[in-house]
Amino acid sequence: MTANALRDWCRFAGTGTAYIEPGSPWQNPFVESFGSRIRDELLTGELFESLLEAKVLVEDWRLDYNTNRPHSALGMRTPAHFAAESTLAEKDSLAATTPTIILTTHP
């Protein structure tokens, strides 16, 4: 009831909501894509016997996802490779804009 009233108020006030409505993957396709991948590749295929086992298996999956698997949104690079390239580009950009000061001594 409150959600409907808030939605109506936003519509009449010409504003929008700042949350993703349930069943609206078009509002945030990156999270939906990730959520479907972890669900399909890990969660539906495993029965965790303990919290420790779940943590270990999720961490293994996360490392594989970020270091071994290319992502189309990153130009078919892994997230780790993309992050390393971004860091190098930032360092190069900073080096190019930082003035060089040369100190010399005169006899």
N, C-alpha and C. Protein backbone atom coordinates (compact mmCIF):
# COMPACT_ATOMS: atom_id res chain seq x y z
N MET A 1 0.82 -1.18 0.00
CA MET A 1 0.00 0.00 0.00
C MET A 1 0.87 1.25 0.00
N THR A 2 1.86 1.30 0.90
CA THR A 2 2.75 2.46 0.96
C THR A 2 3.58 2.58 -0.31
N ALA A 3 4.05 1.44 -0.84
CA ALA A 3 4.85 1.46 -2.07
C ALA A 3 4.05 2.03 -3.23
N ASN A 4 2.78 1.66 -3.33
CA ASN A 4 1.94 2.18 -4.40
C ASN A 4 1.73 3.68 -4.26
N ALA A 5 1.52 4.13 -3.03
CA ALA A 5 1.33 5.57 -2.79
C ALA A 5 2.60 6.33 -3.14
N LEU A 6 3.74 5.79 -2.78
CA LEU A 6 5.01 6.44 -3.10
C LEU A 6 5.24 6.47 -4.61
N ARG A 7 4.93 5.38 -5.28
CA ARG A 7 5.08 5.33 -6.74
C ARG A 7 4.18 6.36 -7.42
N ASP A 8 2.95 6.46 -6.93
CA ASP A 8 2.02 7.46 -7.50
C ASP A 8 2.54 8.87 -7.26
N TRP A 9 3.01 9.14 -6.06
CA TRP A 9 3.53 10.47 -5.74
C TRP A 9 4.70 10.81 -6.64
N CYS A 10 5.61 9.87 -6.84
CA CYS A 10 6.77 10.11 -7.71
C CYS A 10 6.32 10.40 -9.14
N ARG A 11 5.34 9.65 -9.61
CA ARG A 11 4.86 9.86 -10.97
C ARG A 11 4.25 11.26 -11.12
N PHE A 12 3.43 11.67 -10.17
CA PHE A 12 2.78 12.97 -10.26
C PHE A 12 3.76 14.11 -10.02
N ALA A 13 4.80 13.88 -9.23
CA ALA A 13 5.79 14.92 -8.94
C ALA A 13 6.85 15.01 -10.04
N GLY A 14 6.82 14.05 -10.97
CA GLY A 14 7.79 14.06 -12.06
C GLY A 14 9.16 13.56 -11.64
N THR A 15 9.23 12.74 -10.61
CA THR A 15 10.50 12.18 -10.16
C THR A 15 10.47 10.67 -10.37
N GLY A 16 11.53 10.02 -10.01
CA GLY A 16 11.60 8.57 -10.14
C GLY A 16 12.10 7.95 -8.86
N THR A 17 12.03 6.65 -8.82
CA THR A 17 12.52 5.94 -7.65
C THR A 17 14.01 5.66 -7.79
N ALA A 18 14.69 5.48 -6.68
CA ALA A 18 16.13 5.24 -6.69
C ALA A 18 16.43 3.78 -6.35
N TYR A 19 15.49 2.93 -6.51
CA TYR A 19 15.71 1.50 -6.27
C TYR A 19 15.27 0.72 -7.49
N ILE A 20 15.69 -0.52 -7.55
CA ILE A 20 15.31 -1.38 -8.67
C ILE A 20 14.08 -2.17 -8.24
N GLU A 21 13.03 -2.01 -8.98
CA GLU A 21 11.80 -2.71 -8.64
C GLU A 21 11.96 -4.21 -8.92
N PRO A 22 11.39 -5.06 -8.08
CA PRO A 22 11.46 -6.50 -8.32
C PRO A 22 10.93 -6.86 -9.70
N GLY A 23 11.62 -7.75 -10.37
CA GLY A 23 11.20 -8.18 -11.70
C GLY A 23 11.52 -7.19 -12.80
N SER A 24 12.44 -6.27 -12.53
CA SER A 24 12.81 -5.26 -13.53
C SER A 24 14.30 -5.32 -13.84
N PRO A 25 14.77 -6.41 -14.45
CA PRO A 25 16.20 -6.53 -14.71
C PRO A 25 16.72 -5.48 -15.68
N TRP A 26 15.86 -4.88 -16.49
CA TRP A 26 16.29 -3.86 -17.43
C TRP A 26 16.81 -2.64 -16.71
N GLN A 27 16.47 -2.46 -15.43
CA GLN A 27 16.95 -1.29 -14.69
C GLN A 27 18.41 -1.45 -14.27
N ASN A 28 18.89 -2.67 -14.15
CA ASN A 28 20.28 -2.90 -13.78
C ASN A 28 20.76 -4.22 -14.37
N PRO A 29 21.07 -4.25 -15.66
CA PRO A 29 21.40 -5.52 -16.31
C PRO A 29 22.71 -6.14 -15.83
N PHE A 30 23.65 -5.34 -15.30
CA PHE A 30 24.93 -5.89 -14.85
C PHE A 30 24.73 -6.78 -13.63
N VAL A 31 23.95 -6.32 -12.68
CA VAL A 31 23.69 -7.11 -11.48
C VAL A 31 22.87 -8.35 -11.84
N GLU A 32 21.89 -8.19 -12.73
CA GLU A 32 21.09 -9.33 -13.15
C GLU A 32 21.96 -10.38 -13.83
N SER A 33 22.89 -9.95 -14.67
CA SER A 33 23.77 -10.89 -15.37
C SER A 33 24.64 -11.64 -14.37
N PHE A 34 25.23 -10.91 -13.43
CA PHE A 34 26.08 -11.55 -12.43
C PHE A 34 25.26 -12.52 -11.58
N GLY A 35 24.09 -12.05 -11.14
CA GLY A 35 23.24 -12.89 -10.29
C GLY A 35 22.83 -14.17 -10.98
N SER A 36 22.51 -14.08 -12.27
CA SER A 36 22.11 -15.31 -12.97
C SER A 36 23.30 -16.23 -13.16
N ARG A 37 24.49 -15.68 -13.37
CA ARG A 37 25.68 -16.53 -13.53
C ARG A 37 26.02 -17.28 -12.25
N ILE A 38 26.07 -16.56 -11.14
CA ILE A 38 26.43 -17.25 -9.88
C ILE A 38 25.35 -18.25 -9.50
N ARG A 39 24.11 -17.93 -9.77
CA ARG A 39 23.03 -18.87 -9.47
C ARG A 39 23.14 -20.12 -10.34
N ASP A 40 23.31 -19.92 -11.66
CA ASP A 40 23.36 -21.06 -12.58
C ASP A 40 24.62 -21.89 -12.43
N GLU A 41 25.74 -21.24 -12.20
CA GLU A 41 27.02 -21.95 -12.19
C GLU A 41 27.45 -22.48 -10.83
N LEU A 42 26.90 -21.93 -9.77
CA LEU A 42 27.36 -22.34 -8.44
C LEU A 42 26.22 -22.75 -7.52
N LEU A 43 25.29 -21.85 -7.31
CA LEU A 43 24.30 -22.06 -6.25
C LEU A 43 23.32 -23.19 -6.54
N THR A 44 22.90 -23.36 -7.79
CA THR A 44 21.94 -24.43 -8.07
C THR A 44 22.60 -25.80 -8.17
N GLY A 45 23.92 -25.83 -8.26
CA GLY A 45 24.61 -27.10 -8.39
C GLY A 45 25.29 -27.58 -7.12
N GLU A 46 25.20 -26.82 -6.06
CA GLU A 46 25.89 -27.17 -4.82
C GLU A 46 24.92 -27.26 -3.66
N LEU A 47 25.19 -28.20 -2.78
CA LEU A 47 24.49 -28.29 -1.50
C LEU A 47 25.56 -28.11 -0.44
N PHE A 48 25.60 -26.95 0.17
CA PHE A 48 26.64 -26.64 1.13
C PHE A 48 26.35 -27.33 2.46
N GLU A 49 27.36 -28.01 2.97
CA GLU A 49 27.22 -28.72 4.25
C GLU A 49 27.48 -27.81 5.44
N SER A 50 28.21 -26.71 5.20
CA SER A 50 28.51 -25.78 6.30
C SER A 50 28.77 -24.40 5.72
N LEU A 51 28.78 -23.42 6.59
CA LEU A 51 29.08 -22.05 6.18
C LEU A 51 30.51 -21.96 5.66
N LEU A 52 31.43 -22.67 6.29
CA LEU A 52 32.83 -22.67 5.83
C LEU A 52 32.94 -23.22 4.42
N GLU A 53 32.25 -24.32 4.13
CA GLU A 53 32.28 -24.88 2.78
C GLU A 53 31.72 -23.88 1.77
N ALA A 54 30.63 -23.21 2.12
CA ALA A 54 30.04 -22.21 1.22
C ALA A 54 31.03 -21.08 0.96
N LYS A 55 31.70 -20.60 2.00
CA LYS A 55 32.67 -19.50 1.83
C LYS A 55 33.82 -19.92 0.92
N VAL A 56 34.31 -21.12 1.10
CA VAL A 56 35.44 -21.60 0.29
C VAL A 56 35.02 -21.75 -1.18
N LEU A 57 33.88 -22.36 -1.42
CA LEU A 57 33.43 -22.58 -2.80
C LEU A 57 33.06 -21.27 -3.50
N VAL A 58 32.45 -20.35 -2.78
CA VAL A 58 32.13 -19.05 -3.37
C VAL A 58 33.40 -18.27 -3.67
N GLU A 59 34.37 -18.32 -2.79
CA GLU A 59 35.65 -17.63 -3.05
C GLU A 59 36.37 -18.23 -4.25
N ASP A 60 36.37 -19.56 -4.38
CA ASP A 60 36.97 -20.20 -5.56
C ASP A 60 36.28 -19.75 -6.83
N TRP A 61 34.94 -19.71 -6.80
CA TRP A 61 34.19 -19.28 -7.97
C TRP A 61 34.50 -17.81 -8.29
N ARG A 62 34.57 -16.96 -7.27
CA ARG A 62 34.86 -15.54 -7.45
C ARG A 62 36.23 -15.33 -8.08
N LEU A 63 37.23 -16.05 -7.60
CA LEU A 63 38.58 -15.92 -8.16
C LEU A 63 38.59 -16.35 -9.63
N ASP A 64 37.93 -17.45 -9.93
CA ASP A 64 37.85 -17.90 -11.32
C ASP A 64 37.13 -16.86 -12.18
N TYR A 65 36.02 -16.34 -11.69
CA TYR A 65 35.22 -15.36 -12.43
C TYR A 65 36.03 -14.09 -12.72
N ASN A 66 36.84 -13.66 -11.78
CA ASN A 66 37.58 -12.40 -11.92
C ASN A 66 38.94 -12.53 -12.58
N THR A 67 39.54 -13.72 -12.56
CA THR A 67 40.91 -13.83 -13.08
C THR A 67 41.05 -14.70 -14.32
N ASN A 68 40.13 -15.62 -14.55
CA ASN A 68 40.31 -16.56 -15.66
C ASN A 68 39.30 -16.40 -16.79
N ARG A 69 38.20 -15.72 -16.53
CA ARG A 69 37.12 -15.69 -17.51
C ARG A 69 36.98 -14.31 -18.15
N PRO A 70 37.11 -14.25 -19.47
CA PRO A 70 36.93 -12.96 -20.16
C PRO A 70 35.46 -12.53 -20.13
N HIS A 71 35.26 -11.23 -20.08
CA HIS A 71 33.92 -10.65 -20.03
C HIS A 71 33.71 -9.77 -21.26
N SER A 72 32.60 -9.96 -21.94
CA SER A 72 32.34 -9.19 -23.16
C SER A 72 32.23 -7.70 -22.86
N ALA A 73 31.73 -7.33 -21.69
CA ALA A 73 31.60 -5.91 -21.34
C ALA A 73 32.96 -5.25 -21.14
N LEU A 74 34.00 -6.05 -20.97
CA LEU A 74 35.36 -5.51 -20.76
C LEU A 74 36.23 -5.76 -21.98
N GLY A 75 35.62 -5.91 -23.14
CA GLY A 75 36.40 -6.14 -24.36
C GLY A 75 37.06 -7.50 -24.36
N MET A 76 36.38 -8.50 -23.82
CA MET A 76 36.87 -9.88 -23.73
C MET A 76 38.17 -9.98 -22.93
N ARG A 77 38.28 -9.12 -21.93
CA ARG A 77 39.39 -9.22 -20.97
C ARG A 77 38.82 -9.68 -19.64
N THR A 78 39.67 -10.25 -18.81
CA THR A 78 39.23 -10.62 -17.47
C THR A 78 39.15 -9.35 -16.63
N PRO A 79 38.34 -9.35 -15.57
CA PRO A 79 38.30 -8.18 -14.70
C PRO A 79 39.68 -7.85 -14.11
N ALA A 80 40.47 -8.85 -13.79
CA ALA A 80 41.81 -8.60 -13.24
C ALA A 80 42.69 -7.90 -14.27
N HIS A 81 42.64 -8.35 -15.52
CA HIS A 81 43.43 -7.74 -16.60
C HIS A 81 42.96 -6.31 -16.85
N PHE A 82 41.65 -6.12 -16.88
CA PHE A 82 41.08 -4.79 -17.09
C PHE A 82 41.52 -3.84 -15.97
N ALA A 83 41.48 -4.30 -14.72
CA ALA A 83 41.89 -3.46 -13.59
C ALA A 83 43.37 -3.12 -13.67
N ALA A 84 44.19 -4.08 -14.06
CA ALA A 84 45.63 -3.82 -14.18
C ALA A 84 45.90 -2.80 -15.28
N GLU A 85 45.19 -2.92 -16.41
CA GLU A 85 45.36 -1.94 -17.49
C GLU A 85 44.92 -0.55 -17.06
N SER A 86 43.82 -0.48 -16.31
CA SER A 86 43.31 0.80 -15.84
C SER A 86 44.30 1.46 -14.88
N THR A 87 44.90 0.66 -14.01
CA THR A 87 45.89 1.18 -13.07
C THR A 87 47.10 1.71 -13.81
N LEU A 88 47.58 0.97 -14.81
CA LEU A 88 48.72 1.43 -15.60
C LEU A 88 48.39 2.71 -16.36
N ALA A 89 47.20 2.79 -16.92
CA ALA A 89 46.78 3.98 -17.66
C ALA A 89 46.72 5.19 -16.73
N GLU A 90 46.24 4.99 -15.51
CA GLU A 90 46.19 6.10 -14.54
C GLU A 90 47.59 6.55 -14.17
N LYS A 91 48.51 5.60 -13.97
CA LYS A 91 49.89 5.97 -13.64
C LYS A 91 50.54 6.72 -14.79
N ASP A 92 50.32 6.24 -16.04
CA ASP A 92 50.88 6.92 -17.21
C ASP A 92 50.32 8.32 -17.34
N SER A 93 49.03 8.46 -17.09
CA SER A 93 48.38 9.77 -17.18
C SER A 93 48.93 10.70 -16.12
N LEU A 94 49.12 10.20 -14.92
CA LEU A 94 49.67 11.02 -13.84
C LEU A 94 51.11 11.41 -14.15
N ALA A 95 51.90 10.48 -14.67
CA ALA A 95 53.30 10.78 -15.00
C ALA A 95 53.38 11.82 -16.11
N ALA A 96 52.46 11.79 -17.05
CA ALA A 96 52.48 12.74 -18.15
C ALA A 96 52.10 14.14 -17.71
N THR A 97 51.33 14.27 -16.64
CA THR A 97 50.89 15.59 -16.19
C THR A 97 51.69 16.12 -15.02
N THR A 98 52.59 15.32 -14.47
CA THR A 98 53.39 15.77 -13.34
C THR A 98 54.66 16.43 -13.86
N PRO A 99 54.89 17.69 -13.46
CA PRO A 99 56.10 18.37 -13.94
C PRO A 99 57.37 17.73 -13.35
N THR A 100 58.39 17.71 -14.15
CA THR A 100 59.67 17.17 -13.71
C THR A 100 60.54 18.33 -13.24
N ILE A 101 61.08 18.20 -12.07
CA ILE A 101 61.96 19.23 -11.51
C ILE A 101 63.38 18.67 -11.51
N ILE A 102 64.28 19.37 -12.14
CA ILE A 102 65.67 18.94 -12.21
C ILE A 102 66.49 19.91 -11.37
N LEU A 103 67.16 19.34 -10.39
CA LEU A 103 68.02 20.14 -9.54
C LEU A 103 69.46 19.97 -9.98
N THR A 104 70.13 21.05 -10.16
CA THR A 104 71.55 20.99 -10.53
C THR A 104 72.34 21.84 -9.55
N THR A 105 73.57 21.53 -9.45
CA THR A 105 74.45 22.35 -8.62
C THR A 105 75.41 23.11 -9.53
N HIS A 106 75.69 24.33 -9.18
CA HIS A 106 76.61 25.14 -9.95
C HIS A 106 77.90 25.31 -9.15
N PRO A 107 79.02 25.16 -9.80
CA PRO A 107 80.29 25.31 -9.07
C PRO A 107 80.55 26.73 -8.65
